[in-house]
Amino acid sequence: MGNEDCVFCQIIDKKISSDIIFEDNDVFAFKDINPQAPSHILIVPKKHIPRLSQVEKKDEAVLGKMITIANNIAKENHFEEKGFRLTLNEGKDAGQTIFHIHLHLLAGRRLMWPPG
């Protein structure tokens, strides 16, 4: 399921410590170590999928689950009161630096548009 060279797979396997926010059989959520907002949480599938463009039909359920978990985390932390952002990056030009798909949950400050 995982990839030994992937830092997120190592975090999921608890070979690298993280501040875990949520975990079940399919999804793992933890605080980003380089936060871009006061609250910056990464939601990742436990299955190693390097890029958004490599998502297959069989992955639809886990991606939907990632969004549901992000919404639950946002509600638990009252992020919806002022707003929050969910972001998925595809490829280097979009800012993807770790090639294991991950959903960014950003909150706690005004987020400008357009981004970056």
N, C-alpha and C. Protein backbone atom coordinates (compact mmCIF):
# COMPACT_ATOMS: atom_id res chain seq x y z
N MET A 1 0.83 -1.19 0.00
CA MET A 1 0.00 0.00 0.00
C MET A 1 0.87 1.26 0.00
N GLY A 2 1.95 1.24 0.79
CA GLY A 2 2.81 2.41 0.91
C GLY A 2 4.03 2.33 0.02
N ASN A 3 4.83 3.37 0.08
CA ASN A 3 6.06 3.48 -0.68
C ASN A 3 7.16 3.84 0.32
N GLU A 4 8.18 3.01 0.44
CA GLU A 4 9.23 3.20 1.43
C GLU A 4 9.95 4.53 1.32
N ASP A 5 10.04 5.10 0.12
CA ASP A 5 10.75 6.35 -0.10
C ASP A 5 9.89 7.58 0.13
N CYS A 6 8.60 7.40 0.33
CA CYS A 6 7.66 8.51 0.46
C CYS A 6 7.57 8.97 1.92
N VAL A 7 7.81 10.26 2.15
CA VAL A 7 7.76 10.79 3.51
C VAL A 7 6.36 10.65 4.12
N PHE A 8 5.31 10.81 3.31
CA PHE A 8 3.95 10.67 3.86
C PHE A 8 3.66 9.21 4.22
N CYS A 9 4.15 8.27 3.43
CA CYS A 9 3.98 6.85 3.78
C CYS A 9 4.72 6.54 5.08
N GLN A 10 5.88 7.15 5.27
CA GLN A 10 6.62 6.95 6.51
C GLN A 10 5.89 7.56 7.70
N ILE A 11 5.22 8.69 7.50
CA ILE A 11 4.41 9.30 8.55
C ILE A 11 3.22 8.41 8.86
N ILE A 12 2.55 7.91 7.82
CA ILE A 12 1.39 7.01 8.01
C ILE A 12 1.82 5.76 8.77
N ASP A 13 3.00 5.22 8.44
CA ASP A 13 3.52 4.02 9.11
C ASP A 13 4.14 4.34 10.47
N LYS A 14 4.12 5.62 10.85
CA LYS A 14 4.65 6.11 12.13
C LYS A 14 6.15 5.89 12.28
N LYS A 15 6.85 5.85 11.15
CA LYS A 15 8.31 5.81 11.16
C LYS A 15 8.86 7.22 11.36
N ILE A 16 8.05 8.21 11.01
CA ILE A 16 8.34 9.63 11.26
C ILE A 16 7.19 10.14 12.12
N SER A 17 7.52 10.82 13.20
CA SER A 17 6.46 11.30 14.10
C SER A 17 5.72 12.49 13.48
N SER A 18 4.47 12.62 13.87
CA SER A 18 3.64 13.72 13.40
C SER A 18 2.60 14.03 14.47
N ASP A 19 2.00 15.18 14.34
CA ASP A 19 0.92 15.57 15.23
C ASP A 19 -0.38 15.10 14.57
N ILE A 20 -0.82 13.91 14.94
CA ILE A 20 -1.96 13.26 14.29
C ILE A 20 -3.27 13.92 14.71
N ILE A 21 -4.08 14.22 13.71
CA ILE A 21 -5.40 14.82 13.93
C ILE A 21 -6.50 13.77 13.77
N PHE A 22 -6.30 12.84 12.82
CA PHE A 22 -7.31 11.82 12.53
C PHE A 22 -6.63 10.63 11.86
N GLU A 23 -7.17 9.44 12.15
CA GLU A 23 -6.70 8.25 11.46
C GLU A 23 -7.80 7.20 11.47
N ASP A 24 -7.98 6.56 10.31
CA ASP A 24 -8.81 5.36 10.22
C ASP A 24 -8.13 4.41 9.24
N ASN A 25 -8.83 3.44 8.72
CA ASN A 25 -8.22 2.45 7.83
C ASN A 25 -7.79 3.02 6.48
N ASP A 26 -8.40 4.13 6.06
CA ASP A 26 -8.19 4.67 4.71
C ASP A 26 -7.46 6.00 4.66
N VAL A 27 -7.61 6.80 5.71
CA VAL A 27 -7.18 8.20 5.67
C VAL A 27 -6.39 8.55 6.93
N PHE A 28 -5.42 9.45 6.74
CA PHE A 28 -4.56 9.91 7.83
C PHE A 28 -4.50 11.43 7.74
N ALA A 29 -4.69 12.13 8.85
CA ALA A 29 -4.62 13.60 8.86
C ALA A 29 -3.66 14.04 9.96
N PHE A 30 -2.82 15.02 9.62
CA PHE A 30 -1.83 15.50 10.58
C PHE A 30 -1.49 16.95 10.29
N LYS A 31 -0.91 17.62 11.30
CA LYS A 31 -0.53 19.01 11.13
C LYS A 31 0.69 19.12 10.22
N ASP A 32 0.65 20.09 9.32
CA ASP A 32 1.78 20.36 8.42
C ASP A 32 2.94 20.94 9.23
N ILE A 33 4.16 20.45 9.00
CA ILE A 33 5.32 20.96 9.74
C ILE A 33 5.82 22.30 9.19
N ASN A 34 5.29 22.71 8.04
CA ASN A 34 5.63 24.00 7.45
C ASN A 34 4.33 24.75 7.15
N PRO A 35 3.61 25.15 8.21
CA PRO A 35 2.26 25.69 8.00
C PRO A 35 2.24 27.01 7.22
N GLN A 36 1.24 27.10 6.34
CA GLN A 36 1.04 28.31 5.54
C GLN A 36 -0.12 29.14 6.07
N ALA A 37 -0.69 28.70 7.19
CA ALA A 37 -1.77 29.40 7.88
C ALA A 37 -1.69 28.96 9.34
N PRO A 38 -2.34 29.70 10.24
CA PRO A 38 -2.30 29.29 11.65
C PRO A 38 -2.76 27.84 11.87
N SER A 39 -3.72 27.40 11.09
CA SER A 39 -4.13 26.00 11.09
C SER A 39 -3.89 25.44 9.70
N HIS A 40 -3.01 24.45 9.60
CA HIS A 40 -2.68 23.84 8.30
C HIS A 40 -2.57 22.34 8.54
N ILE A 41 -3.57 21.64 8.07
CA ILE A 41 -3.67 20.19 8.28
C ILE A 41 -3.63 19.51 6.93
N LEU A 42 -2.89 18.41 6.84
CA LEU A 42 -2.82 17.61 5.63
C LEU A 42 -3.66 16.36 5.82
N ILE A 43 -4.51 16.08 4.84
CA ILE A 43 -5.35 14.89 4.84
C ILE A 43 -4.89 14.03 3.67
N VAL A 44 -4.44 12.81 3.97
CA VAL A 44 -3.84 11.96 2.93
C VAL A 44 -4.49 10.58 2.93
N PRO A 45 -4.58 9.98 1.75
CA PRO A 45 -5.03 8.59 1.72
C PRO A 45 -3.88 7.70 2.19
N LYS A 46 -4.21 6.61 2.86
CA LYS A 46 -3.15 5.69 3.27
C LYS A 46 -2.57 4.97 2.06
N LYS A 47 -3.38 4.81 1.04
CA LYS A 47 -2.88 4.23 -0.21
C LYS A 47 -1.97 5.24 -0.88
N HIS A 48 -0.80 4.81 -1.31
CA HIS A 48 0.14 5.71 -1.99
C HIS A 48 -0.34 5.97 -3.42
N ILE A 49 -0.78 7.20 -3.65
CA ILE A 49 -1.16 7.67 -4.98
C ILE A 49 -0.30 8.90 -5.21
N PRO A 50 0.69 8.84 -6.10
CA PRO A 50 1.64 9.94 -6.25
C PRO A 50 1.04 11.27 -6.70
N ARG A 51 0.12 11.23 -7.66
CA ARG A 51 -0.37 12.47 -8.25
C ARG A 51 -1.88 12.40 -8.42
N LEU A 52 -2.51 13.56 -8.36
CA LEU A 52 -3.94 13.65 -8.59
C LEU A 52 -4.31 13.09 -9.95
N SER A 53 -3.45 13.31 -10.95
CA SER A 53 -3.71 12.81 -12.30
C SER A 53 -3.64 11.28 -12.39
N GLN A 54 -3.18 10.63 -11.32
CA GLN A 54 -3.11 9.17 -11.30
C GLN A 54 -4.25 8.53 -10.50
N VAL A 55 -5.19 9.34 -10.06
CA VAL A 55 -6.37 8.82 -9.36
C VAL A 55 -7.19 7.99 -10.35
N GLU A 56 -7.64 6.83 -9.89
CA GLU A 56 -8.46 5.94 -10.71
C GLU A 56 -9.87 5.87 -10.14
N LYS A 57 -10.77 5.30 -10.91
CA LYS A 57 -12.17 5.17 -10.48
C LYS A 57 -12.26 4.51 -9.11
N LYS A 58 -11.43 3.50 -8.85
CA LYS A 58 -11.48 2.79 -7.57
C LYS A 58 -11.06 3.68 -6.40
N ASP A 59 -10.46 4.85 -6.66
CA ASP A 59 -10.02 5.77 -5.62
C ASP A 59 -11.06 6.83 -5.27
N GLU A 60 -12.18 6.86 -5.99
CA GLU A 60 -13.18 7.89 -5.78
C GLU A 60 -13.68 7.94 -4.33
N ALA A 61 -13.91 6.78 -3.74
CA ALA A 61 -14.46 6.75 -2.38
C ALA A 61 -13.51 7.37 -1.38
N VAL A 62 -12.22 7.06 -1.49
CA VAL A 62 -11.27 7.61 -0.51
C VAL A 62 -11.11 9.12 -0.69
N LEU A 63 -11.17 9.63 -1.92
CA LEU A 63 -11.08 11.07 -2.11
C LEU A 63 -12.30 11.78 -1.53
N GLY A 64 -13.47 11.21 -1.72
CA GLY A 64 -14.67 11.77 -1.10
C GLY A 64 -14.58 11.73 0.41
N LYS A 65 -14.05 10.65 0.94
CA LYS A 65 -13.87 10.51 2.39
C LYS A 65 -12.90 11.57 2.91
N MET A 66 -11.85 11.87 2.16
CA MET A 66 -10.89 12.90 2.57
C MET A 66 -11.59 14.25 2.74
N ILE A 67 -12.50 14.58 1.83
CA ILE A 67 -13.23 15.85 1.92
C ILE A 67 -14.17 15.85 3.12
N THR A 68 -14.84 14.74 3.35
CA THR A 68 -15.73 14.62 4.51
C THR A 68 -14.95 14.78 5.80
N ILE A 69 -13.79 14.14 5.89
CA ILE A 69 -12.95 14.25 7.09
C ILE A 69 -12.48 15.69 7.26
N ALA A 70 -12.07 16.33 6.17
CA ALA A 70 -11.66 17.73 6.25
C ALA A 70 -12.79 18.60 6.79
N ASN A 71 -14.00 18.38 6.31
CA ASN A 71 -15.17 19.13 6.81
C ASN A 71 -15.40 18.87 8.29
N ASN A 72 -15.27 17.62 8.71
CA ASN A 72 -15.45 17.29 10.12
C ASN A 72 -14.40 17.98 10.99
N ILE A 73 -13.14 17.97 10.54
CA ILE A 73 -12.08 18.66 11.28
C ILE A 73 -12.37 20.15 11.35
N ALA A 74 -12.82 20.73 10.24
CA ALA A 74 -13.16 22.16 10.21
C ALA A 74 -14.29 22.47 11.19
N LYS A 75 -15.31 21.63 11.23
CA LYS A 75 -16.42 21.86 12.17
C LYS A 75 -15.96 21.72 13.61
N GLU A 76 -15.17 20.69 13.90
CA GLU A 76 -14.68 20.48 15.27
C GLU A 76 -13.85 21.65 15.77
N ASN A 77 -13.17 22.33 14.86
CA ASN A 77 -12.31 23.45 15.21
C ASN A 77 -12.94 24.81 14.94
N HIS A 78 -14.22 24.81 14.56
CA HIS A 78 -15.00 26.03 14.29
C HIS A 78 -14.40 26.87 13.18
N PHE A 79 -13.74 26.22 12.22
CA PHE A 79 -13.16 26.95 11.09
C PHE A 79 -14.24 27.51 10.17
N GLU A 80 -15.40 26.86 10.12
CA GLU A 80 -16.43 27.30 9.19
C GLU A 80 -17.00 28.67 9.58
N GLU A 81 -16.77 29.09 10.82
CA GLU A 81 -17.28 30.40 11.26
C GLU A 81 -16.71 31.54 10.42
N LYS A 82 -15.41 31.49 10.13
CA LYS A 82 -14.77 32.54 9.32
C LYS A 82 -14.37 32.05 7.95
N GLY A 83 -14.29 30.74 7.78
CA GLY A 83 -13.94 30.16 6.49
C GLY A 83 -12.66 29.36 6.54
N PHE A 84 -12.52 28.48 5.58
CA PHE A 84 -11.33 27.66 5.44
C PHE A 84 -11.16 27.32 3.97
N ARG A 85 -9.99 26.82 3.62
CA ARG A 85 -9.70 26.45 2.24
C ARG A 85 -9.22 25.01 2.18
N LEU A 86 -9.68 24.30 1.17
CA LEU A 86 -9.19 22.96 0.84
C LEU A 86 -8.48 23.05 -0.49
N THR A 87 -7.26 22.50 -0.56
CA THR A 87 -6.47 22.59 -1.79
C THR A 87 -5.80 21.26 -2.08
N LEU A 88 -5.84 20.86 -3.34
CA LEU A 88 -5.08 19.71 -3.86
C LEU A 88 -4.18 20.24 -4.97
N ASN A 89 -2.90 19.96 -4.89
CA ASN A 89 -1.96 20.42 -5.91
C ASN A 89 -1.56 19.25 -6.81
N GLU A 90 -1.41 19.53 -8.09
CA GLU A 90 -1.01 18.51 -9.07
C GLU A 90 0.25 18.97 -9.79
N GLY A 91 1.35 18.36 -9.49
CA GLY A 91 2.60 18.64 -10.18
C GLY A 91 3.39 19.80 -9.59
N LYS A 92 4.65 19.88 -10.01
CA LYS A 92 5.58 20.86 -9.46
C LYS A 92 5.14 22.30 -9.70
N ASP A 93 4.64 22.62 -10.89
CA ASP A 93 4.24 24.00 -11.17
C ASP A 93 3.04 24.44 -10.33
N ALA A 94 2.28 23.51 -9.80
CA ALA A 94 1.15 23.84 -8.94
C ALA A 94 1.56 23.87 -7.46
N GLY A 95 2.82 23.54 -7.19
CA GLY A 95 3.31 23.58 -5.82
C GLY A 95 3.39 22.24 -5.12
N GLN A 96 3.16 21.14 -5.85
CA GLN A 96 3.27 19.82 -5.23
C GLN A 96 4.74 19.51 -4.99
N THR A 97 5.10 19.27 -3.73
CA THR A 97 6.49 18.98 -3.38
C THR A 97 6.66 17.55 -2.89
N ILE A 98 5.59 16.95 -2.38
CA ILE A 98 5.63 15.54 -1.96
C ILE A 98 4.66 14.80 -2.85
N PHE A 99 5.15 13.77 -3.51
CA PHE A 99 4.34 13.07 -4.50
C PHE A 99 3.61 11.88 -3.89
N HIS A 100 2.65 12.26 -3.03
CA HIS A 100 1.63 11.40 -2.43
C HIS A 100 0.47 12.37 -2.28
N ILE A 101 -0.61 12.16 -3.00
CA ILE A 101 -1.67 13.18 -3.00
C ILE A 101 -2.07 13.53 -1.57
N HIS A 102 -2.38 14.80 -1.38
CA HIS A 102 -2.76 15.28 -0.07
C HIS A 102 -3.63 16.52 -0.21
N LEU A 103 -4.59 16.58 0.67
CA LEU A 103 -5.53 17.69 0.72
C LEU A 103 -5.06 18.63 1.83
N HIS A 104 -4.86 19.90 1.49
CA HIS A 104 -4.49 20.90 2.49
C HIS A 104 -5.76 21.52 3.05
N LEU A 105 -5.86 21.57 4.36
CA LEU A 105 -6.93 22.29 5.06
C LEU A 105 -6.26 23.49 5.72
N LEU A 106 -6.59 24.68 5.23
CA LEU A 106 -5.98 25.93 5.72
C LEU A 106 -7.05 26.80 6.37
N ALA A 107 -6.72 27.34 7.55
CA ALA A 107 -7.68 28.20 8.26
C ALA A 107 -6.93 29.06 9.26
N GLY A 108 -7.64 30.04 9.80
CA GLY A 108 -7.08 30.85 10.88
C GLY A 108 -6.54 32.20 10.44
N ARG A 109 -6.63 32.49 9.16
CA ARG A 109 -6.25 33.82 8.66
C ARG A 109 -7.02 34.06 7.37
N ARG A 110 -7.05 35.31 6.94
CA ARG A 110 -7.68 35.63 5.66
C ARG A 110 -6.82 35.07 4.54
N LEU A 111 -7.43 34.28 3.69
CA LEU A 111 -6.74 33.66 2.56
C LEU A 111 -7.10 34.43 1.30
N MET A 112 -6.12 34.92 0.62
CA MET A 112 -6.35 35.80 -0.54
C MET A 112 -6.64 34.97 -1.80
N TRP A 113 -7.27 35.63 -2.78
CA TRP A 113 -7.52 35.02 -4.07
C TRP A 113 -7.15 36.02 -5.15
N PRO A 114 -6.45 35.67 -6.18
CA PRO A 114 -5.97 34.32 -6.45
C PRO A 114 -4.79 33.97 -5.55
N PRO A 115 -4.61 32.66 -5.29
CA PRO A 115 -3.49 32.23 -4.45
C PRO A 115 -2.17 32.34 -5.20
N GLY A 116 -1.08 32.29 -4.45
CA GLY A 116 0.29 32.24 -4.90
C GLY A 116 0.58 32.82 -6.21
